[in-house]
Amino acid sequence: MARPQVTQKNVHLFIPNKVAKICSQLNKSEKLSLNDAILKFYNSNTYETLSRESSKLWQEGWVYVYQMGLN
């Protein structure tokens, strides 16, 4: 069975689990409320890059994406 091709139209399917884990880590490490952690991440350059299929960042693990946002 062939894997479906990931495109800009469906890349969003790969993002929610990573975002949840990253926001949970922001909550713990930066002592932010979950709402503030979510807002911080969704307004970050890292999220913008993650949501672009062409960046291929969606293929990486959540820890890598989280650490990328710290730099």
PDB file of N, CA and C in Angstrom:
ATOM      1  N   MET A   1       0.842  -1.179   0.000  1.00  0.00           N
ATOM      2  CA  MET A   1       0.000   0.000   0.000  1.00  0.00           C
ATOM      3  C   MET A   1       0.891   1.248   0.000  1.00  0.00           C
ATOM      4  N   ALA A   2       0.672   2.126  -0.921  1.00  0.00           N
ATOM      5  CA  ALA A   2       1.462   3.350  -1.051  1.00  0.00           C
ATOM      6  C   ALA A   2       1.053   4.367   0.013  1.00  0.00           C
ATOM      7  N   ARG A   3       2.043   5.057   0.534  1.00  0.00           N
ATOM      8  CA  ARG A   3       1.762   6.126   1.503  1.00  0.00           C
ATOM      9  C   ARG A   3       1.172   7.319   0.780  1.00  0.00           C
ATOM     10  N   PRO A   4       0.248   8.016   1.422  1.00  0.00           N
ATOM     11  CA  PRO A   4      -0.273   9.229   0.787  1.00  0.00           C
ATOM     12  C   PRO A   4       0.810  10.306   0.753  1.00  0.00           C
ATOM     13  N   GLN A   5       0.777  11.103  -0.272  1.00  0.00           N
ATOM     14  CA  GLN A   5       1.746  12.184  -0.407  1.00  0.00           C
ATOM     15  C   GLN A   5       1.387  13.319   0.544  1.00  0.00           C
ATOM     16  N   VAL A   6       2.376  13.825   1.245  1.00  0.00           N
ATOM     17  CA  VAL A   6       2.163  14.960   2.142  1.00  0.00           C
ATOM     18  C   VAL A   6       2.284  16.227   1.317  1.00  0.00           C
ATOM     19  N   THR A   7       1.255  17.055   1.414  1.00  0.00           N
ATOM     20  CA  THR A   7       1.221  18.327   0.692  1.00  0.00           C
ATOM     21  C   THR A   7       0.887  19.440   1.671  1.00  0.00           C
ATOM     22  N   GLN A   8       0.925  20.666   1.191  1.00  0.00           N
ATOM     23  CA  GLN A   8       0.554  21.790   2.045  1.00  0.00           C
ATOM     24  C   GLN A   8      -0.895  21.671   2.516  1.00  0.00           C
ATOM     25  N   LYS A   9      -1.727  21.013   1.734  1.00  0.00           N
ATOM     26  CA  LYS A   9      -3.140  20.873   2.095  1.00  0.00           C
ATOM     27  C   LYS A   9      -3.362  19.878   3.228  1.00  0.00           C
ATOM     28  N   ASN A  10      -2.468  18.909   3.403  1.00  0.00           N
ATOM     29  CA  ASN A  10      -2.704  17.918   4.452  1.00  0.00           C
ATOM     30  C   ASN A  10      -1.616  17.867   5.531  1.00  0.00           C
ATOM     31  N   VAL A  11      -0.613  18.707   5.443  1.00  0.00           N
ATOM     32  CA  VAL A  11       0.459  18.684   6.439  1.00  0.00           C
ATOM     33  C   VAL A  11      -0.084  18.964   7.844  1.00  0.00           C
ATOM     34  N   HIS A  12      -1.169  19.687   7.941  1.00  0.00           N
ATOM     35  CA  HIS A  12      -1.755  20.004   9.245  1.00  0.00           C
ATOM     36  C   HIS A  12      -2.136  18.753  10.035  1.00  0.00           C
ATOM     37  N   LEU A  13      -2.282  17.627   9.387  1.00  0.00           N
ATOM     38  CA  LEU A  13      -2.629  16.377  10.066  1.00  0.00           C
ATOM     39  C   LEU A  13      -1.475  15.857  10.926  1.00  0.00           C
ATOM     40  N   PHE A  14      -0.261  16.270  10.638  1.00  0.00           N
ATOM     41  CA  PHE A  14       0.914  15.785  11.343  1.00  0.00           C
ATOM     42  C   PHE A  14       1.358  16.699  12.488  1.00  0.00           C
ATOM     43  N   ILE A  15       0.698  17.811  12.649  1.00  0.00           N
ATOM     44  CA  ILE A  15       1.177  18.845  13.569  1.00  0.00           C
ATOM     45  C   ILE A  15       0.567  18.804  14.980  1.00  0.00           C
ATOM     46  N   PRO A  16      -0.716  18.519  15.178  1.00  0.00           N
ATOM     47  CA  PRO A  16      -1.321  18.661  16.511  1.00  0.00           C
ATOM     48  C   PRO A  16      -0.638  17.911  17.649  1.00  0.00           C
ATOM     49  N   ASN A  17      -0.202  16.683  17.427  1.00  0.00           N
ATOM     50  CA  ASN A  17       0.451  15.932  18.493  1.00  0.00           C
ATOM     51  C   ASN A  17       1.756  16.605  18.913  1.00  0.00           C
ATOM     52  N   LYS A  18       2.512  17.095  17.961  1.00  0.00           N
ATOM     53  CA  LYS A  18       3.757  17.800  18.268  1.00  0.00           C
ATOM     54  C   LYS A  18       3.471  19.086  19.047  1.00  0.00           C
ATOM     55  N   VAL A  19       2.477  19.826  18.604  1.00  0.00           N
ATOM     56  CA  VAL A  19       2.130  21.085  19.271  1.00  0.00           C
ATOM     57  C   VAL A  19       1.703  20.824  20.715  1.00  0.00           C
ATOM     58  N   ALA A  20       0.920  19.793  20.938  1.00  0.00           N
ATOM     59  CA  ALA A  20       0.465  19.473  22.296  1.00  0.00           C
ATOM     60  C   ALA A  20       1.648  19.172  23.206  1.00  0.00           C
ATOM     61  N   LYS A  21       2.597  18.390  22.725  1.00  0.00           N
ATOM     62  CA  LYS A  21       3.763  18.039  23.543  1.00  0.00           C
ATOM     63  C   LYS A  21       4.662  19.249  23.772  1.00  0.00           C
ATOM     64  N   ILE A  22       4.845  20.061  22.761  1.00  0.00           N
ATOM     65  CA  ILE A  22       5.676  21.259  22.897  1.00  0.00           C
ATOM     66  C   ILE A  22       5.046  22.230  23.887  1.00  0.00           C
ATOM     67  N   CYS A  23       3.751  22.435  23.790  1.00  0.00           N
ATOM     68  CA  CYS A  23       3.065  23.361  24.702  1.00  0.00           C
ATOM     69  C   CYS A  23       3.081  22.840  26.134  1.00  0.00           C
ATOM     70  N   SER A  24       2.972  21.535  26.300  1.00  0.00           N
ATOM     71  CA  SER A  24       3.074  20.945  27.636  1.00  0.00           C
ATOM     72  C   SER A  24       4.466  21.197  28.220  1.00  0.00           C
ATOM     73  N   GLN A  25       5.483  21.076  27.394  1.00  0.00           N
ATOM     74  CA  GLN A  25       6.848  21.335  27.854  1.00  0.00           C
ATOM     75  C   GLN A  25       7.050  22.815  28.182  1.00  0.00           C
ATOM     76  N   LEU A  26       6.491  23.702  27.364  1.00  0.00           N
ATOM     77  CA  LEU A  26       6.565  25.139  27.665  1.00  0.00           C
ATOM     78  C   LEU A  26       5.875  25.441  28.990  1.00  0.00           C
ATOM     79  N   ASN A  27       4.760  24.791  29.229  1.00  0.00           N
ATOM     80  CA  ASN A  27       4.015  24.945  30.473  1.00  0.00           C
ATOM     81  C   ASN A  27       4.897  24.600  31.670  1.00  0.00           C
ATOM     82  N   LYS A  28       5.625  23.510  31.556  1.00  0.00           N
ATOM     83  CA  LYS A  28       6.469  23.049  32.663  1.00  0.00           C
ATOM     84  C   LYS A  28       7.747  23.867  32.787  1.00  0.00           C
ATOM     85  N   SER A  29       8.452  24.046  31.679  1.00  0.00           N
ATOM     86  CA  SER A  29       9.776  24.659  31.751  1.00  0.00           C
ATOM     87  C   SER A  29       9.739  26.172  31.948  1.00  0.00           C
ATOM     88  N   GLU A  30       8.721  26.827  31.402  1.00  0.00           N
ATOM     89  CA  GLU A  30       8.644  28.285  31.514  1.00  0.00           C
ATOM     90  C   GLU A  30       7.556  28.743  32.477  1.00  0.00           C
ATOM     91  N   LYS A  31       6.940  27.775  33.137  1.00  0.00           N
ATOM     92  CA  LYS A  31       5.887  28.079  34.134  1.00  0.00           C
ATOM     93  C   LYS A  31       4.768  28.936  33.539  1.00  0.00           C
ATOM     94  N   LEU A  32       4.384  28.613  32.289  1.00  0.00           N
ATOM     95  CA  LEU A  32       3.296  29.319  31.623  1.00  0.00           C
ATOM     96  C   LEU A  32       2.010  28.525  31.806  1.00  0.00           C
ATOM     97  N   SER A  33       0.891  29.214  31.800  1.00  0.00           N
ATOM     98  CA  SER A  33      -0.378  28.488  31.757  1.00  0.00           C
ATOM     99  C   SER A  33      -0.443  27.788  30.406  1.00  0.00           C
ATOM    100  N   LEU A  34      -1.271  26.763  30.305  1.00  0.00           N
ATOM    101  CA  LEU A  34      -1.388  26.081  29.011  1.00  0.00           C
ATOM    102  C   LEU A  34      -1.867  27.033  27.923  1.00  0.00           C
ATOM    103  N   ASN A  35      -2.795  27.916  28.263  1.00  0.00           N
ATOM    104  CA  ASN A  35      -3.275  28.891  27.270  1.00  0.00           C
ATOM    105  C   ASN A  35      -2.144  29.789  26.790  1.00  0.00           C
ATOM    106  N   ASP A  36      -1.323  30.275  27.720  1.00  0.00           N
ATOM    107  CA  ASP A  36      -0.203  31.136  27.340  1.00  0.00           C
ATOM    108  C   ASP A  36       0.838  30.369  26.531  1.00  0.00           C
ATOM    109  N   ALA A  37       1.068  29.107  26.886  1.00  0.00           N
ATOM    110  CA  ALA A  37       2.020  28.277  26.142  1.00  0.00           C
ATOM    111  C   ALA A  37       1.535  28.056  24.714  1.00  0.00           C
ATOM    112  N   ILE A  38       0.249  27.799  24.564  1.00  0.00           N
ATOM    113  CA  ILE A  38      -0.332  27.597  23.231  1.00  0.00           C
ATOM    114  C   ILE A  38      -0.208  28.865  22.404  1.00  0.00           C
ATOM    115  N   LEU A  39      -0.570  29.992  22.993  1.00  0.00           N
ATOM    116  CA  LEU A  39      -0.458  31.268  22.274  1.00  0.00           C
ATOM    117  C   LEU A  39       0.991  31.566  21.895  1.00  0.00           C
ATOM    118  N   LYS A  40       1.909  31.324  22.820  1.00  0.00           N
ATOM    119  CA  LYS A  40       3.318  31.589  22.542  1.00  0.00           C
ATOM    120  C   LYS A  40       3.793  30.741  21.367  1.00  0.00           C
ATOM    121  N   PHE A  41       3.458  29.453  21.376  1.00  0.00           N
ATOM    122  CA  PHE A  41       3.944  28.593  20.305  1.00  0.00           C
ATOM    123  C   PHE A  41       3.271  28.904  18.974  1.00  0.00           C
ATOM    124  N   TYR A  42       1.955  29.084  18.969  1.00  0.00           N
ATOM    125  CA  TYR A  42       1.267  29.354  17.704  1.00  0.00           C
ATOM    126  C   TYR A  42       1.667  30.701  17.099  1.00  0.00           C
ATOM    127  N   ASN A  43       2.194  31.597  17.893  1.00  0.00           N
ATOM    128  CA  ASN A  43       2.655  32.889  17.384  1.00  0.00           C
ATOM    129  C   ASN A  43       4.159  32.923  17.126  1.00  0.00           C
ATOM    130  N   SER A  44       4.799  31.763  17.175  1.00  0.00           N
ATOM    131  CA  SER A  44       6.255  31.713  16.998  1.00  0.00           C
ATOM    132  C   SER A  44       6.654  31.443  15.549  1.00  0.00           C
ATOM    133  N   ASN A  45       7.889  31.800  15.239  1.00  0.00           N
ATOM    134  CA  ASN A  45       8.458  31.478  13.927  1.00  0.00           C
ATOM    135  C   ASN A  45       8.593  29.975  13.752  1.00  0.00           C
ATOM    136  N   THR A  46       8.824  29.271  14.858  1.00  0.00           N
ATOM    137  CA  THR A  46       8.957  27.815  14.795  1.00  0.00           C
ATOM    138  C   THR A  46       7.658  27.190  14.299  1.00  0.00           C
ATOM    139  N   TYR A  47       6.522  27.656  14.810  1.00  0.00           N
ATOM    140  CA  TYR A  47       5.243  27.105  14.344  1.00  0.00           C
ATOM    141  C   TYR A  47       5.021  27.441  12.873  1.00  0.00           C
ATOM    142  N   GLU A  48       5.379  28.638  12.488  1.00  0.00           N
ATOM    143  CA  GLU A  48       5.220  29.033  11.089  1.00  0.00           C
ATOM    144  C   GLU A  48       6.024  28.096  10.179  1.00  0.00           C
ATOM    145  N   THR A  49       7.238  27.798  10.595  1.00  0.00           N
ATOM    146  CA  THR A  49       8.079  26.885   9.820  1.00  0.00           C
ATOM    147  C   THR A  49       7.508  25.474   9.839  1.00  0.00           C
ATOM    148  N   LEU A  50       7.072  25.029  11.001  1.00  0.00           N
ATOM    149  CA  LEU A  50       6.493  23.691  11.147  1.00  0.00           C
ATOM    150  C   LEU A  50       5.286  23.498  10.239  1.00  0.00           C
ATOM    151  N   SER A  51       4.496  24.518  10.080  1.00  0.00           N
ATOM    152  CA  SER A  51       3.267  24.398   9.293  1.00  0.00           C
ATOM    153  C   SER A  51       3.477  24.496   7.786  1.00  0.00           C
ATOM    154  N   ARG A  52       4.709  24.771   7.371  1.00  0.00           N
ATOM    155  CA  ARG A  52       5.036  24.784   5.935  1.00  0.00           C
ATOM    156  C   ARG A  52       5.544  23.415   5.529  1.00  0.00           C
ATOM    157  N   GLU A  53       4.853  22.749   4.654  1.00  0.00           N
ATOM    158  CA  GLU A  53       5.247  21.407   4.217  1.00  0.00           C
ATOM    159  C   GLU A  53       6.654  21.407   3.654  1.00  0.00           C
ATOM    160  N   SER A  54       7.004  22.426   2.912  1.00  0.00           N
ATOM    161  CA  SER A  54       8.307  22.481   2.245  1.00  0.00           C
ATOM    162  C   SER A  54       9.482  22.516   3.219  1.00  0.00           C
ATOM    163  N   SER A  55       9.255  22.901   4.459  1.00  0.00           N
ATOM    164  CA  SER A  55      10.331  22.940   5.451  1.00  0.00           C
ATOM    165  C   SER A  55      10.725  21.540   5.912  1.00  0.00           C
ATOM    166  N   LYS A  56       9.823  20.604   5.782  1.00  0.00           N
ATOM    167  CA  LYS A  56      10.014  19.216   6.234  1.00  0.00           C
ATOM    168  C   LYS A  56      10.209  19.109   7.745  1.00  0.00           C
ATOM    169  N   LEU A  57       9.995  20.184   8.478  1.00  0.00           N
ATOM    170  CA  LEU A  57      10.129  20.161   9.931  1.00  0.00           C
ATOM    171  C   LEU A  57       9.075  19.252  10.561  1.00  0.00           C
ATOM    172  N   TRP A  58       7.937  19.102   9.919  1.00  0.00           N
ATOM    173  CA  TRP A  58       6.869  18.242  10.421  1.00  0.00           C
ATOM    174  C   TRP A  58       7.328  16.791  10.541  1.00  0.00           C
ATOM    175  N   GLN A  59       8.411  16.416   9.875  1.00  0.00           N
ATOM    176  CA  GLN A  59       8.931  15.051   9.940  1.00  0.00           C
ATOM    177  C   GLN A  59       9.748  14.802  11.210  1.00  0.00           C
ATOM    178  N   GLU A  60      10.177  15.857  11.839  1.00  0.00           N
ATOM    179  CA  GLU A  60      11.048  15.745  13.015  1.00  0.00           C
ATOM    180  C   GLU A  60      10.234  15.479  14.279  1.00  0.00           C
ATOM    181  N   GLY A  61      10.899  14.986  15.281  1.00  0.00           N
ATOM    182  CA  GLY A  61      10.262  14.739  16.573  1.00  0.00           C
ATOM    183  C   GLY A  61       9.979  16.044  17.307  1.00  0.00           C
ATOM    184  N   TRP A  62       9.087  15.971  18.273  1.00  0.00           N
ATOM    185  CA  TRP A  62       8.678  17.181  18.983  1.00  0.00           C
ATOM    186  C   TRP A  62       9.839  17.786  19.776  1.00  0.00           C
ATOM    187  N   VAL A  63      10.745  16.967  20.300  1.00  0.00           N
ATOM    188  CA  VAL A  63      11.864  17.496  21.082  1.00  0.00           C
ATOM    189  C   VAL A  63      12.765  18.346  20.192  1.00  0.00           C
ATOM    190  N   TYR A  64      13.034  17.867  18.997  1.00  0.00           N
ATOM    191  CA  TYR A  64      13.849  18.634  18.044  1.00  0.00           C
ATOM    192  C   TYR A  64      13.173  19.968  17.719  1.00  0.00           C
ATOM    193  N   VAL A  65      11.880  19.942  17.475  1.00  0.00           N
ATOM    194  CA  VAL A  65      11.145  21.168  17.134  1.00  0.00           C
ATOM    195  C   VAL A  65      11.157  22.119  18.345  1.00  0.00           C
ATOM    196  N   TYR A  66      10.971  21.586  19.533  1.00  0.00           N
ATOM    197  CA  TYR A  66      11.000  22.398  20.750  1.00  0.00           C
ATOM    198  C   TYR A  66      12.364  23.056  20.924  1.00  0.00           C
ATOM    199  N   GLN A  67      13.430  22.273  20.775  1.00  0.00           N
ATOM    200  CA  GLN A  67      14.770  22.815  20.930  1.00  0.00           C
ATOM    201  C   GLN A  67      15.107  23.836  19.854  1.00  0.00           C
ATOM    202  N   MET A  68      14.582  23.633  18.673  1.00  0.00           N
ATOM    203  CA  MET A  68      14.791  24.594  17.583  1.00  0.00           C
ATOM    204  C   MET A  68      14.199  25.953  17.968  1.00  0.00           C
ATOM    205  N   GLY A  69      13.073  25.936  18.634  1.00  0.00           N
ATOM    206  CA  GLY A  69      12.412  27.168  19.047  1.00  0.00           C
ATOM    207  C   GLY A  69      13.151  27.911  20.130  1.00  0.00           C
ATOM    208  N   LEU A  70      14.040  27.216  20.839  1.00  0.00           N
ATOM    209  CA  LEU A  70      14.809  27.850  21.907  1.00  0.00           C
ATOM    210  C   LEU A  70      16.003  28.616  21.381  1.00  0.00           C
ATOM    211  N   ASN A  71      16.399  28.326  20.166  1.00  0.00           N
ATOM    212  CA  ASN A  71      17.579  28.985  19.587  1.00  0.00           C
ATOM    213  C   ASN A  71      17.218  30.280  18.907  1.00  0.00           C
TER     214      ASN A  71
END
